Amino acid sequence: MHERDGVTVPCADAGILEPVGVAILDFLDRAEPPEADAWIAKARKTGSIPLLNRIHTALLALSAISSDRRVWLKSRMELIASQIAGLAT
């Protein structure tokens, strides 16, 4: 577990721990990049550290199994990680 700005979130190293995380992973795995980008943009606008952490964890898990989208996945992980870091300060 990690605490960010008073919010406790699971460590990404623990993997996907809950059904909502599995649902996010499933969506991101099936969605075409434009659809996933639109959804990620909406999620980022919420500023919710727990939601962003779940998305980051799902992207991390997908990057381990999806070589054809690795560049896209990495760029989205960096975007989300940067936003989480900004929110936690």
PDB file of N, CA and C in Angstrom:
ATOM      1  N   MET A   1       0.842  -1.166   0.000  1.00  0.00           N
ATOM      2  CA  MET A   1       0.000   0.000   0.000  1.00  0.00           C
ATOM      3  C   MET A   1       0.893   1.237   0.000  1.00  0.00           C
ATOM      4  N   HIS A   2       0.374   2.283  -0.617  1.00  0.00           N
ATOM      5  CA  HIS A   2       1.043   3.573  -0.635  1.00  0.00           C
ATOM      6  C   HIS A   2       0.049   4.637  -0.196  1.00  0.00           C
ATOM      7  N   GLU A   3       0.557   5.658   0.441  1.00  0.00           N
ATOM      8  CA  GLU A   3      -0.307   6.780   0.794  1.00  0.00           C
ATOM      9  C   GLU A   3       0.129   7.976  -0.024  1.00  0.00           C
ATOM     10  N   ARG A   4      -0.838   8.575  -0.708  1.00  0.00           N
ATOM     11  CA  ARG A   4      -0.586   9.753  -1.529  1.00  0.00           C
ATOM     12  C   ARG A   4      -1.613  10.805  -1.168  1.00  0.00           C
ATOM     13  N   ASP A   5      -1.143  11.909  -0.665  1.00  0.00           N
ATOM     14  CA  ASP A   5      -2.019  13.035  -0.339  1.00  0.00           C
ATOM     15  C   ASP A   5      -3.175  12.596   0.562  1.00  0.00           C
ATOM     16  N   GLY A   6      -2.856  11.741   1.523  1.00  0.00           N
ATOM     17  CA  GLY A   6      -3.875  11.273   2.448  1.00  0.00           C
ATOM     18  C   GLY A   6      -4.764  10.172   1.904  1.00  0.00           C
ATOM     19  N   VAL A   7      -4.458   9.686   0.700  1.00  0.00           N
ATOM     20  CA  VAL A   7      -5.248   8.621   0.079  1.00  0.00           C
ATOM     21  C   VAL A   7      -4.395   7.369   0.026  1.00  0.00           C
ATOM     22  N   THR A   8      -4.893   6.279   0.542  1.00  0.00           N
ATOM     23  CA  THR A   8      -4.173   5.016   0.506  1.00  0.00           C
ATOM     24  C   THR A   8      -4.599   4.239  -0.733  1.00  0.00           C
ATOM     25  N   VAL A   9      -3.589   3.812  -1.502  1.00  0.00           N
ATOM     26  CA  VAL A   9      -3.855   3.055  -2.731  1.00  0.00           C
ATOM     27  C   VAL A   9      -2.988   1.804  -2.728  1.00  0.00           C
ATOM     28  N   PRO A  10      -3.460   0.732  -3.371  1.00  0.00           N
ATOM     29  CA  PRO A  10      -2.651  -0.483  -3.447  1.00  0.00           C
ATOM     30  C   PRO A  10      -1.391  -0.251  -4.274  1.00  0.00           C
ATOM     31  N   CYS A  11      -0.344  -0.940  -3.934  1.00  0.00           N
ATOM     32  CA  CYS A  11       0.902  -0.876  -4.688  1.00  0.00           C
ATOM     33  C   CYS A  11       0.699  -1.580  -6.030  1.00  0.00           C
ATOM     34  N   ALA A  12       1.151  -0.958  -7.108  1.00  0.00           N
ATOM     35  CA  ALA A  12       1.009  -1.556  -8.447  1.00  0.00           C
ATOM     36  C   ALA A  12       1.730  -2.889  -8.532  1.00  0.00           C
ATOM     37  N   ASP A  13       2.782  -3.078  -7.732  1.00  0.00           N
ATOM     38  CA  ASP A  13       3.515  -4.347  -7.742  1.00  0.00           C
ATOM     39  C   ASP A  13       2.647  -5.515  -7.281  1.00  0.00           C
ATOM     40  N   ALA A  14       1.573  -5.209  -6.561  1.00  0.00           N
ATOM     41  CA  ALA A  14       0.671  -6.259  -6.085  1.00  0.00           C
ATOM     42  C   ALA A  14      -0.260  -6.743  -7.194  1.00  0.00           C
ATOM     43  N   GLY A  15      -0.303  -6.004  -8.294  1.00  0.00           N
ATOM     44  CA  GLY A  15      -1.173  -6.390  -9.402  1.00  0.00           C
ATOM     45  C   GLY A  15      -2.599  -5.920  -9.186  1.00  0.00           C
ATOM     46  N   ILE A  16      -3.490  -6.516  -9.933  1.00  0.00           N
ATOM     47  CA  ILE A  16      -4.899  -6.135  -9.871  1.00  0.00           C
ATOM     48  C   ILE A  16      -5.554  -6.893  -8.726  1.00  0.00           C
ATOM     49  N   LEU A  17      -6.103  -6.141  -7.782  1.00  0.00           N
ATOM     50  CA  LEU A  17      -6.599  -6.741  -6.547  1.00  0.00           C
ATOM     51  C   LEU A  17      -8.111  -6.765  -6.412  1.00  0.00           C
ATOM     52  N   GLU A  18      -8.817  -6.112  -7.313  1.00  0.00           N
ATOM     53  CA  GLU A  18     -10.251  -5.970  -7.111  1.00  0.00           C
ATOM     54  C   GLU A  18     -10.987  -6.028  -8.450  1.00  0.00           C
ATOM     55  N   PRO A  19     -12.281  -6.320  -8.413  1.00  0.00           N
ATOM     56  CA  PRO A  19     -13.051  -6.438  -9.649  1.00  0.00           C
ATOM     57  C   PRO A  19     -13.026  -5.190 -10.532  1.00  0.00           C
ATOM     58  N   VAL A  20     -13.027  -4.005  -9.915  1.00  0.00           N
ATOM     59  CA  VAL A  20     -13.018  -2.794 -10.733  1.00  0.00           C
ATOM     60  C   VAL A  20     -11.710  -2.704 -11.524  1.00  0.00           C
ATOM     61  N   GLY A  21     -10.619  -3.129 -10.930  1.00  0.00           N
ATOM     62  CA  GLY A  21      -9.342  -3.149 -11.638  1.00  0.00           C
ATOM     63  C   GLY A  21      -9.353  -4.107 -12.815  1.00  0.00           C
ATOM     64  N   VAL A  22      -9.986  -5.256 -12.623  1.00  0.00           N
ATOM     65  CA  VAL A  22     -10.124  -6.230 -13.708  1.00  0.00           C
ATOM     66  C   VAL A  22     -10.983  -5.646 -14.827  1.00  0.00           C
ATOM     67  N   ALA A  23     -12.048  -4.943 -14.458  1.00  0.00           N
ATOM     68  CA  ALA A  23     -12.919  -4.325 -15.469  1.00  0.00           C
ATOM     69  C   ALA A  23     -12.163  -3.255 -16.263  1.00  0.00           C
ATOM     70  N   ILE A  24     -11.347  -2.463 -15.586  1.00  0.00           N
ATOM     71  CA  ILE A  24     -10.552  -1.451 -16.281  1.00  0.00           C
ATOM     72  C   ILE A  24      -9.565  -2.128 -17.227  1.00  0.00           C
ATOM     73  N   LEU A  25      -8.889  -3.155 -16.743  1.00  0.00           N
ATOM     74  CA  LEU A  25      -7.949  -3.896 -17.586  1.00  0.00           C
ATOM     75  C   LEU A  25      -8.669  -4.463 -18.806  1.00  0.00           C
ATOM     76  N   ASP A  26      -9.818  -5.067 -18.602  1.00  0.00           N
ATOM     77  CA  ASP A  26     -10.581  -5.663 -19.703  1.00  0.00           C
ATOM     78  C   ASP A  26     -10.972  -4.596 -20.730  1.00  0.00           C
ATOM     79  N   PHE A  27     -11.453  -3.452 -20.253  1.00  0.00           N
ATOM     80  CA  PHE A  27     -11.832  -2.375 -21.167  1.00  0.00           C
ATOM     81  C   PHE A  27     -10.625  -1.903 -21.975  1.00  0.00           C
ATOM     82  N   LEU A  28      -9.525  -1.613 -21.284  1.00  0.00           N
ATOM     83  CA  LEU A  28      -8.342  -1.102 -21.968  1.00  0.00           C
ATOM     84  C   LEU A  28      -7.760  -2.130 -22.941  1.00  0.00           C
ATOM     85  N   ASP A  29      -7.913  -3.394 -22.625  1.00  0.00           N
ATOM     86  CA  ASP A  29      -7.423  -4.459 -23.505  1.00  0.00           C
ATOM     87  C   ASP A  29      -8.257  -4.559 -24.780  1.00  0.00           C
ATOM     88  N   ARG A  30      -9.547  -4.342 -24.667  1.00  0.00           N
ATOM     89  CA  ARG A  30     -10.452  -4.499 -25.809  1.00  0.00           C
ATOM     90  C   ARG A  30     -10.645  -3.225 -26.628  1.00  0.00           C
ATOM     91  N   ALA A  31     -10.491  -2.074 -25.996  1.00  0.00           N
ATOM     92  CA  ALA A  31     -10.774  -0.802 -26.671  1.00  0.00           C
ATOM     93  C   ALA A  31      -9.684  -0.453 -27.672  1.00  0.00           C
ATOM     94  N   GLU A  32     -10.092   0.179 -28.742  1.00  0.00           N
ATOM     95  CA  GLU A  32      -9.125   0.741 -29.682  1.00  0.00           C
ATOM     96  C   GLU A  32      -8.510   1.972 -29.024  1.00  0.00           C
ATOM     97  N   PRO A  33      -7.269   2.315 -29.365  1.00  0.00           N
ATOM     98  CA  PRO A  33      -6.617   3.457 -28.709  1.00  0.00           C
ATOM     99  C   PRO A  33      -7.432   4.750 -28.678  1.00  0.00           C
ATOM    100  N   PRO A  34      -8.127   5.166 -29.753  1.00  0.00           N
ATOM    101  CA  PRO A  34      -8.900   6.414 -29.631  1.00  0.00           C
ATOM    102  C   PRO A  34     -10.001   6.342 -28.561  1.00  0.00           C
ATOM    103  N   GLU A  35     -10.664   5.206 -28.475  1.00  0.00           N
ATOM    104  CA  GLU A  35     -11.715   5.035 -27.462  1.00  0.00           C
ATOM    105  C   GLU A  35     -11.101   5.011 -26.062  1.00  0.00           C
ATOM    106  N   ALA A  36     -10.002   4.298 -25.906  1.00  0.00           N
ATOM    107  CA  ALA A  36      -9.336   4.233 -24.608  1.00  0.00           C
ATOM    108  C   ALA A  36      -8.794   5.610 -24.215  1.00  0.00           C
ATOM    109  N   ASP A  37      -8.230   6.339 -25.180  1.00  0.00           N
ATOM    110  CA  ASP A  37      -7.719   7.681 -24.888  1.00  0.00           C
ATOM    111  C   ASP A  37      -8.826   8.610 -24.405  1.00  0.00           C
ATOM    112  N   ALA A  38      -9.983   8.527 -25.033  1.00  0.00           N
ATOM    113  CA  ALA A  38     -11.111   9.374 -24.621  1.00  0.00           C
ATOM    114  C   ALA A  38     -11.539   9.031 -23.197  1.00  0.00           C
ATOM    115  N   TRP A  39     -11.593   7.755 -22.888  1.00  0.00           N
ATOM    116  CA  TRP A  39     -11.979   7.329 -21.548  1.00  0.00           C
ATOM    117  C   TRP A  39     -10.934   7.756 -20.517  1.00  0.00           C
ATOM    118  N   ILE A  40      -9.659   7.565 -20.852  1.00  0.00           N
ATOM    119  CA  ILE A  40      -8.584   7.968 -19.945  1.00  0.00           C
ATOM    120  C   ILE A  40      -8.631   9.477 -19.708  1.00  0.00           C
ATOM    121  N   ALA A  41      -8.888  10.260 -20.749  1.00  0.00           N
ATOM    122  CA  ALA A  41      -8.985  11.722 -20.600  1.00  0.00           C
ATOM    123  C   ALA A  41     -10.091  12.103 -19.623  1.00  0.00           C
ATOM    124  N   LYS A  42     -11.239  11.436 -19.732  1.00  0.00           N
ATOM    125  CA  LYS A  42     -12.342  11.706 -18.803  1.00  0.00           C
ATOM    126  C   LYS A  42     -11.952  11.320 -17.374  1.00  0.00           C
ATOM    127  N   ALA A  43     -11.283  10.189 -17.236  1.00  0.00           N
ATOM    128  CA  ALA A  43     -10.858   9.745 -15.909  1.00  0.00           C
ATOM    129  C   ALA A  43      -9.838  10.715 -15.318  1.00  0.00           C
ATOM    130  N   ARG A  44      -8.932  11.217 -16.143  1.00  0.00           N
ATOM    131  CA  ARG A  44      -7.925  12.169 -15.664  1.00  0.00           C
ATOM    132  C   ARG A  44      -8.567  13.454 -15.182  1.00  0.00           C
ATOM    133  N   LYS A  45      -9.650  13.867 -15.814  1.00  0.00           N
ATOM    134  CA  LYS A  45     -10.331  15.102 -15.410  1.00  0.00           C
ATOM    135  C   LYS A  45     -10.925  14.993 -14.007  1.00  0.00           C
ATOM    136  N   THR A  46     -11.185  13.781 -13.546  1.00  0.00           N
ATOM    137  CA  THR A  46     -11.748  13.614 -12.203  1.00  0.00           C
ATOM    138  C   THR A  46     -10.731  13.961 -11.129  1.00  0.00           C
ATOM    139  N   GLY A  47      -9.449  13.778 -11.445  1.00  0.00           N
ATOM    140  CA  GLY A  47      -8.417  14.024 -10.444  1.00  0.00           C
ATOM    141  C   GLY A  47      -8.439  13.030  -9.293  1.00  0.00           C
ATOM    142  N   SER A  48      -9.086  11.900  -9.496  1.00  0.00           N
ATOM    143  CA  SER A  48      -9.203  10.892  -8.448  1.00  0.00           C
ATOM    144  C   SER A  48      -7.948  10.019  -8.415  1.00  0.00           C
ATOM    145  N   ILE A  49      -7.170  10.165  -7.356  1.00  0.00           N
ATOM    146  CA  ILE A  49      -5.952   9.367  -7.238  1.00  0.00           C
ATOM    147  C   ILE A  49      -6.261   7.867  -7.232  1.00  0.00           C
ATOM    148  N   PRO A  50      -7.269   7.383  -6.495  1.00  0.00           N
ATOM    149  CA  PRO A  50      -7.561   5.945  -6.538  1.00  0.00           C
ATOM    150  C   PRO A  50      -7.911   5.447  -7.952  1.00  0.00           C
ATOM    151  N   LEU A  51      -8.715   6.220  -8.688  1.00  0.00           N
ATOM    152  CA  LEU A  51      -9.070   5.815 -10.052  1.00  0.00           C
ATOM    153  C   LEU A  51      -7.836   5.825 -10.944  1.00  0.00           C
ATOM    154  N   LEU A  52      -7.050   6.876 -10.872  1.00  0.00           N
ATOM    155  CA  LEU A  52      -5.850   6.970 -11.703  1.00  0.00           C
ATOM    156  C   LEU A  52      -4.865   5.861 -11.358  1.00  0.00           C
ATOM    157  N   ASN A  53      -4.753   5.522 -10.088  1.00  0.00           N
ATOM    158  CA  ASN A  53      -3.878   4.425  -9.687  1.00  0.00           C
ATOM    159  C   ASN A  53      -4.361   3.096 -10.270  1.00  0.00           C
ATOM    160  N   ARG A  54      -5.662   2.886 -10.275  1.00  0.00           N
ATOM    161  CA  ARG A  54      -6.208   1.645 -10.853  1.00  0.00           C
ATOM    162  C   ARG A  54      -5.930   1.582 -12.356  1.00  0.00           C
ATOM    163  N   ILE A  55      -6.094   2.700 -13.033  1.00  0.00           N
ATOM    164  CA  ILE A  55      -5.822   2.739 -14.471  1.00  0.00           C
ATOM    165  C   ILE A  55      -4.344   2.462 -14.726  1.00  0.00           C
ATOM    166  N   HIS A  56      -3.480   3.095 -13.942  1.00  0.00           N
ATOM    167  CA  HIS A  56      -2.044   2.880 -14.103  1.00  0.00           C
ATOM    168  C   HIS A  56      -1.694   1.409 -13.904  1.00  0.00           C
ATOM    169  N   THR A  57      -2.261   0.792 -12.889  1.00  0.00           N
ATOM    170  CA  THR A  57      -1.997  -0.624 -12.616  1.00  0.00           C
ATOM    171  C   THR A  57      -2.475  -1.497 -13.769  1.00  0.00           C
ATOM    172  N   ALA A  58      -3.639  -1.187 -14.328  1.00  0.00           N
ATOM    173  CA  ALA A  58      -4.155  -1.954 -15.467  1.00  0.00           C
ATOM    174  C   ALA A  58      -3.243  -1.786 -16.682  1.00  0.00           C
ATOM    175  N   LEU A  59      -2.790  -0.566 -16.932  1.00  0.00           N
ATOM    176  CA  LEU A  59      -1.872  -0.326 -18.052  1.00  0.00           C
ATOM    177  C   LEU A  59      -0.566  -1.084 -17.854  1.00  0.00           C
ATOM    178  N   LEU A  60      -0.077  -1.096 -16.628  1.00  0.00           N
ATOM    179  CA  LEU A  60       1.153  -1.822 -16.315  1.00  0.00           C
ATOM    180  C   LEU A  60       0.982  -3.324 -16.574  1.00  0.00           C
ATOM    181  N   ALA A  61      -0.134  -3.865 -16.135  1.00  0.00           N
ATOM    182  CA  ALA A  61      -0.401  -5.287 -16.355  1.00  0.00           C
ATOM    183  C   ALA A  61      -0.511  -5.599 -17.845  1.00  0.00           C
ATOM    184  N   LEU A  62      -1.192  -4.738 -18.596  1.00  0.00           N
ATOM    185  CA  LEU A  62      -1.317  -4.953 -20.041  1.00  0.00           C
ATOM    186  C   LEU A  62       0.027  -4.866 -20.750  1.00  0.00           C
ATOM    187  N   SER A  63       0.884  -3.971 -20.293  1.00  0.00           N
ATOM    188  CA  SER A  63       2.180  -3.818 -20.958  1.00  0.00           C
ATOM    189  C   SER A  63       3.036  -5.073 -20.814  1.00  0.00           C
ATOM    190  N   ALA A  64       2.761  -5.861 -19.794  1.00  0.00           N
ATOM    191  CA  ALA A  64       3.508  -7.102 -19.590  1.00  0.00           C
ATOM    192  C   ALA A  64       3.061  -8.209 -20.542  1.00  0.00           C
ATOM    193  N   ILE A  65       1.853  -8.061 -21.105  1.00  0.00           N
ATOM    194  CA  ILE A  65       1.319  -9.135 -21.962  1.00  0.00           C
ATOM    195  C   ILE A  65       1.020  -8.701 -23.392  1.00  0.00           C
ATOM    196  N   SER A  66       1.125  -7.412 -23.690  1.00  0.00           N
ATOM    197  CA  SER A  66       0.730  -6.908 -25.006  1.00  0.00           C
ATOM    198  C   SER A  66       1.884  -6.153 -25.660  1.00  0.00           C
ATOM    199  N   SER A  67       2.673  -6.863 -26.439  1.00  0.00           N
ATOM    200  CA  SER A  67       3.834  -6.227 -27.063  1.00  0.00           C
ATOM    201  C   SER A  67       3.455  -5.300 -28.209  1.00  0.00           C
ATOM    202  N   ASP A  68       2.325  -5.551 -28.860  1.00  0.00           N
ATOM    203  CA  ASP A  68       1.951  -4.734 -30.020  1.00  0.00           C
ATOM    204  C   ASP A  68       1.506  -3.323 -29.643  1.00  0.00           C
ATOM    205  N   ARG A  69       1.118  -3.111 -28.396  1.00  0.00           N
ATOM    206  CA  ARG A  69       0.678  -1.778 -27.947  1.00  0.00           C
ATOM    207  C   ARG A  69       1.578  -1.219 -26.851  1.00  0.00           C
ATOM    208  N   ARG A  70       2.754  -1.774 -26.705  1.00  0.00           N
ATOM    209  CA  ARG A  70       3.636  -1.400 -25.598  1.00  0.00           C
ATOM    210  C   ARG A  70       3.972   0.095 -25.597  1.00  0.00           C
ATOM    211  N   VAL A  71       4.231   0.689 -26.759  1.00  0.00           N
ATOM    212  CA  VAL A  71       4.576   2.113 -26.828  1.00  0.00           C
ATOM    213  C   VAL A  71       3.393   2.962 -26.361  1.00  0.00           C
ATOM    214  N   TRP A  72       2.197   2.637 -26.852  1.00  0.00           N
ATOM    215  CA  TRP A  72       0.996   3.362 -26.441  1.00  0.00           C
ATOM    216  C   TRP A  72       0.767   3.202 -24.939  1.00  0.00           C
ATOM    217  N   LEU A  73       0.882   1.985 -24.447  1.00  0.00           N
ATOM    218  CA  LEU A  73       0.665   1.725 -23.026  1.00  0.00           C
ATOM    219  C   LEU A  73       1.667   2.492 -22.165  1.00  0.00           C
ATOM    220  N   LYS A  74       2.943   2.473 -22.564  1.00  0.00           N
ATOM    221  CA  LYS A  74       3.970   3.173 -21.794  1.00  0.00           C
ATOM    222  C   LYS A  74       3.701   4.677 -21.754  1.00  0.00           C
ATOM    223  N   SER A  75       3.306   5.247 -22.883  1.00  0.00           N
ATOM    224  CA  SER A  75       3.048   6.697 -22.899  1.00  0.00           C
ATOM    225  C   SER A  75       1.869   7.052 -22.001  1.00  0.00           C
ATOM    226  N   ARG A  76       0.856   6.214 -21.950  1.00  0.00           N
ATOM    227  CA  ARG A  76      -0.297   6.479 -21.078  1.00  0.00           C
ATOM    228  C   ARG A  76       0.066   6.287 -19.613  1.00  0.00           C
ATOM    229  N   MET A  77       0.912   5.287 -19.327  1.00  0.00           N
ATOM    230  CA  MET A  77       1.369   5.095 -17.946  1.00  0.00           C
ATOM    231  C   MET A  77       2.147   6.319 -17.461  1.00  0.00           C
ATOM    232  N   GLU A  78       3.001   6.866 -18.329  1.00  0.00           N
ATOM    233  CA  GLU A  78       3.781   8.047 -17.959  1.00  0.00           C
ATOM    234  C   GLU A  78       2.870   9.249 -17.708  1.00  0.00           C
ATOM    235  N   LEU A  79       1.852   9.397 -18.548  1.00  0.00           N
ATOM    236  CA  LEU A  79       0.894  10.491 -18.397  1.00  0.00           C
ATOM    237  C   LEU A  79       0.171  10.397 -17.055  1.00  0.00           C
ATOM    238  N   ILE A  80      -0.305   9.202 -16.739  1.00  0.00           N
ATOM    239  CA  ILE A  80      -1.051   8.987 -15.495  1.00  0.00           C
ATOM    240  C   ILE A  80      -0.115   9.156 -14.293  1.00  0.00           C
ATOM    241  N   ALA A  81       1.079   8.578 -14.362  1.00  0.00           N
ATOM    242  CA  ALA A  81       2.019   8.686 -13.245  1.00  0.00           C
ATOM    243  C   ALA A  81       2.382  10.138 -12.972  1.00  0.00           C
ATOM    244  N   SER A  82       2.556  10.897 -14.026  1.00  0.00           N
ATOM    245  CA  SER A  82       2.864  12.320 -13.873  1.00  0.00           C
ATOM    246  C   SER A  82       1.720  13.053 -13.192  1.00  0.00           C
ATOM    247  N   GLN A  83       0.510  12.737 -13.586  1.00  0.00           N
ATOM    248  CA  GLN A  83      -0.646  13.402 -12.968  1.00  0.00           C
ATOM    249  C   GLN A  83      -0.776  12.997 -11.498  1.00  0.00           C
ATOM    250  N   ILE A  84      -0.601  11.731 -11.203  1.00  0.00           N
ATOM    251  CA  ILE A  84      -0.686  11.281  -9.795  1.00  0.00           C
ATOM    252  C   ILE A  84       0.357  12.013  -8.955  1.00  0.00           C
ATOM    253  N   ALA A  85       1.573  12.105  -9.489  1.00  0.00           N
ATOM    254  CA  ALA A  85       2.640  12.802  -8.749  1.00  0.00           C
ATOM    255  C   ALA A  85       2.264  14.263  -8.505  1.00  0.00           C
ATOM    256  N   GLY A  86       1.670  14.895  -9.493  1.00  0.00           N
ATOM    257  CA  GLY A  86       1.242  16.281  -9.336  1.00  0.00           C
ATOM    258  C   GLY A  86       0.127  16.456  -8.337  1.00  0.00           C
ATOM    259  N   LEU A  87      -0.779  15.500  -8.295  1.00  0.00           N
ATOM    260  CA  LEU A  87      -1.902  15.583  -7.353  1.00  0.00           C
ATOM    261  C   LEU A  87      -1.451  15.308  -5.921  1.00  0.00           C
ATOM    262  N   ALA A  88      -0.406  14.507  -5.793  1.00  0.00           N
ATOM    263  CA  ALA A  88       0.034  14.101  -4.464  1.00  0.00           C
ATOM    264  C   ALA A  88       0.914  15.146  -3.797  1.00  0.00           C
ATOM    265  N   THR A  89       1.234  16.225  -4.502  1.00  0.00           N
ATOM    266  CA  THR A  89       2.100  17.233  -3.887  1.00  0.00           C
ATOM    267  C   THR A  89       1.289  18.340  -3.257  1.00  0.00           C
TER     268      THR A  89
END
